[in-house]
Amino acid sequence: MKKNNIQINRDALFSAETQDYRMPAEPDIHDKVVVRMRTAKDDVDHVYYIEGKKETEMKKTVSDTLLIIMSTQ
């Protein structure tokens, strides 16, 4: 959710099933997988990866002046 209930920049949200956003890109059944999500800098308070009923908060791993990359394992 965005701070102060202001709309988030949906154009900046991005994730994909590519080697840049899922490592390994083609995981085997027991592999640990890192999933990344891109968002605009200072645009969100929290990002969650949700699978089934399990929610995992993603952590900031990379940032620059415009974007943040969040990831979880």
Protein backbone atom coordinates (compact mmCIF):
# COMPACT_ATOMS: atom_id res chain seq x y z
CA MET A 1 0.00 0.00 0.00
CA LYS A 2 1.21 3.50 -0.83
CA LYS A 3 2.00 6.04 1.88
CA ASN A 4 -0.83 8.45 2.75
CA ASN A 5 -3.27 6.50 0.51
CA ILE A 6 -1.86 8.11 -2.66
CA GLN A 7 -2.03 5.97 -5.82
CA ILE A 8 1.08 3.99 -6.68
CA ASN A 9 2.81 4.29 -10.05
CA ARG A 10 1.46 1.13 -11.69
CA ASP A 11 3.60 1.72 -14.79
CA ALA A 12 6.70 1.17 -12.64
CA LEU A 13 5.53 -2.21 -11.26
CA PHE A 14 7.13 -5.10 -13.09
CA SER A 15 8.16 -8.71 -12.69
CA ALA A 16 8.72 -11.46 -15.25
CA GLU A 17 9.57 -15.12 -15.68
CA THR A 18 13.03 -14.20 -16.97
CA GLN A 19 16.53 -14.66 -15.58
CA ASP A 20 16.51 -11.04 -14.33
CA TYR A 21 13.40 -11.51 -12.18
CA ARG A 22 13.40 -15.24 -11.32
CA MET A 23 16.62 -17.07 -10.45
CA PRO A 24 17.00 -19.72 -11.66
CA ALA A 25 14.79 -18.87 -14.64
CA GLU A 26 13.72 -22.50 -15.03
CA PRO A 27 13.86 -24.00 -11.52
CA ASP A 28 13.65 -27.69 -10.70
CA ILE A 29 11.11 -28.88 -8.13
CA HIS A 30 13.38 -28.52 -5.03
CA ASP A 31 15.42 -25.47 -6.11
CA LYS A 32 15.41 -22.36 -3.96
CA VAL A 33 14.13 -19.57 -6.17
CA VAL A 34 14.71 -15.82 -5.89
CA VAL A 35 11.82 -13.71 -7.18
CA ARG A 36 12.27 -10.00 -7.94
CA MET A 37 9.75 -7.16 -8.34
CA ARG A 38 10.49 -3.68 -9.66
CA THR A 39 8.74 -0.56 -8.36
CA ALA A 40 9.29 3.19 -8.45
CA LYS A 41 11.59 4.55 -5.75
CA ASP A 42 9.72 5.71 -2.62
CA ASP A 43 6.44 4.50 -4.14
CA VAL A 44 5.53 1.63 -1.80
CA ASP A 45 5.91 0.82 1.88
CA HIS A 46 5.83 -2.98 1.48
CA VAL A 47 5.86 -5.56 -1.30
CA TYR A 48 4.67 -9.14 -0.71
CA TYR A 49 5.13 -12.35 -2.64
CA ILE A 50 1.95 -14.40 -2.18
CA GLU A 51 1.73 -18.10 -2.98
CA GLY A 52 -1.41 -19.89 -1.88
CA LYS A 53 -2.09 -18.70 1.67
CA LYS A 54 1.55 -17.83 2.41
CA GLU A 55 2.66 -14.18 2.27
CA THR A 56 6.37 -13.29 2.29
CA GLU A 57 7.50 -9.69 2.58
CA MET A 58 10.06 -8.83 -0.08
CA LYS A 59 13.22 -6.90 0.83
CA LYS A 60 14.91 -4.06 -1.04
CA THR A 61 18.00 -5.44 -2.78
CA VAL A 62 18.90 -2.86 -5.44
CA SER A 63 17.97 0.78 -5.95
CA ASP A 64 18.92 3.80 -8.03
CA THR A 65 17.49 7.30 -8.37
CA LEU A 66 14.26 6.08 -10.02
CA LEU A 67 13.63 2.42 -9.22
CA ILE A 68 13.85 -0.19 -6.47
CA ILE A 69 14.22 -3.94 -6.95
CA MET A 70 12.63 -6.03 -4.20
CA SER A 71 13.37 -9.73 -3.81
CA THR A 72 12.47 -12.76 -1.77
CA GLN A 73 13.58 -16.40 -1.69
